[in-house]
Amino acid sequence: MASKSKGGGKSGGFRVIIYLVKEREDGTDVYLITMFDKSEESTIKKEQLVKLISQLLEL
């Protein structure tokens, strides 16, 4: 996701990690797992992402 306030185009934005948990008749539950500034962290490790998803599924 680009951030106009930061300038810098695509590389000056944010990374958003979402996870689809389930679809229902009345809609879809989509959970935001994390969002981070690409200038502070360029990527997220697979192990970190798996841990975050596991914690979400325990709720």
C-alpha atoms as a PDB file:
ATOM      1  CA  MET A   1       0.000   0.000   0.000  1.00  0.00           C
ATOM      2  CA  ALA A   2       1.527   3.324  -1.043  1.00  0.00           C
ATOM      3  CA  SER A   3       1.657   6.282   1.304  1.00  0.00           C
ATOM      4  CA  LYS A   4       1.259   9.689  -0.353  1.00  0.00           C
ATOM      5  CA  SER A   5       2.547  11.438   2.757  1.00  0.00           C
ATOM      6  CA  LYS A   6       5.883   9.650   2.479  1.00  0.00           C
ATOM      7  CA  GLY A   7       6.453  10.068  -1.270  1.00  0.00           C
ATOM      8  CA  GLY A   8       8.751   7.520  -2.863  1.00  0.00           C
ATOM      9  CA  GLY A   9       6.108   5.557  -4.797  1.00  0.00           C
ATOM     10  CA  LYS A  10       5.630   1.838  -4.174  1.00  0.00           C
ATOM     11  CA  SER A  11       8.821   1.467  -2.162  1.00  0.00           C
ATOM     12  CA  GLY A  12       7.764   4.262   0.185  1.00  0.00           C
ATOM     13  CA  GLY A  13       4.624   2.608   1.460  1.00  0.00           C
ATOM     14  CA  PHE A  14       3.413  -0.057   3.836  1.00  0.00           C
ATOM     15  CA  ARG A  15       3.087  -3.801   3.692  1.00  0.00           C
ATOM     16  CA  VAL A  16      -0.254  -5.183   4.880  1.00  0.00           C
ATOM     17  CA  ILE A  17      -0.627  -8.848   5.808  1.00  0.00           C
ATOM     18  CA  ILE A  18      -4.220 -10.131   5.952  1.00  0.00           C
ATOM     19  CA  TYR A  19      -5.589 -13.604   6.509  1.00  0.00           C
ATOM     20  CA  LEU A  20      -8.969 -14.931   5.391  1.00  0.00           C
ATOM     21  CA  VAL A  21     -10.409 -17.011   8.182  1.00  0.00           C
ATOM     22  CA  LYS A  22     -13.853 -18.016   6.902  1.00  0.00           C
ATOM     23  CA  GLU A  23     -16.633 -17.164   4.544  1.00  0.00           C
ATOM     24  CA  ARG A  24     -20.197 -17.075   5.840  1.00  0.00           C
ATOM     25  CA  GLU A  25     -23.601 -16.523   4.273  1.00  0.00           C
ATOM     26  CA  ASP A  26     -23.764 -12.966   5.586  1.00  0.00           C
ATOM     27  CA  GLY A  27     -20.180 -12.010   4.722  1.00  0.00           C
ATOM     28  CA  THR A  28     -16.531 -12.886   5.063  1.00  0.00           C
ATOM     29  CA  ASP A  29     -14.316 -12.619   8.144  1.00  0.00           C
ATOM     30  CA  VAL A  30     -10.944 -11.166   7.127  1.00  0.00           C
ATOM     31  CA  TYR A  31      -8.406 -10.401   9.822  1.00  0.00           C
ATOM     32  CA  LEU A  32      -5.559  -7.912   9.636  1.00  0.00           C
ATOM     33  CA  ILE A  33      -2.496  -9.640  11.024  1.00  0.00           C
ATOM     34  CA  THR A  34       0.096  -6.913  10.730  1.00  0.00           C
ATOM     35  CA  MET A  35       1.014  -3.760   8.873  1.00  0.00           C
ATOM     36  CA  PHE A  36       4.501  -2.287   8.700  1.00  0.00           C
ATOM     37  CA  ASP A  37       6.442   0.511   7.048  1.00  0.00           C
ATOM     38  CA  LYS A  38       8.599  -0.842   4.211  1.00  0.00           C
ATOM     39  CA  SER A  39      11.364   1.615   5.073  1.00  0.00           C
ATOM     40  CA  GLU A  40      11.653   0.027   8.540  1.00  0.00           C
ATOM     41  CA  GLU A  41      11.231  -3.621   7.526  1.00  0.00           C
ATOM     42  CA  SER A  42      11.310  -4.799   3.902  1.00  0.00           C
ATOM     43  CA  THR A  43       9.698  -8.194   4.493  1.00  0.00           C
ATOM     44  CA  ILE A  44       8.397 -10.513   7.183  1.00  0.00           C
ATOM     45  CA  LYS A  45       9.908 -13.934   7.818  1.00  0.00           C
ATOM     46  CA  LYS A  46       7.734 -16.959   7.122  1.00  0.00           C
ATOM     47  CA  GLU A  47       8.211 -18.163  10.712  1.00  0.00           C
ATOM     48  CA  GLN A  48       6.889 -14.852  12.091  1.00  0.00           C
ATOM     49  CA  LEU A  49       3.853 -15.002   9.810  1.00  0.00           C
ATOM     50  CA  VAL A  50       3.058 -18.618  10.736  1.00  0.00           C
ATOM     51  CA  LYS A  51       3.295 -17.714  14.437  1.00  0.00           C
ATOM     52  CA  LEU A  52       0.908 -14.756  14.005  1.00  0.00           C
ATOM     53  CA  ILE A  53      -1.627 -16.899  12.111  1.00  0.00           C
ATOM     54  CA  SER A  54      -1.401 -19.659  14.736  1.00  0.00           C
ATOM     55  CA  GLN A  55      -2.105 -17.137  17.493  1.00  0.00           C
ATOM     56  CA  LEU A  56      -5.112 -15.823  15.564  1.00  0.00           C
ATOM     57  CA  LEU A  57      -6.561 -19.316  15.114  1.00  0.00           C
ATOM     58  CA  GLU A  58      -6.304 -19.944  18.875  1.00  0.00           C
ATOM     59  CA  LEU A  59      -8.764 -17.100  19.619  1.00  0.00           C
END
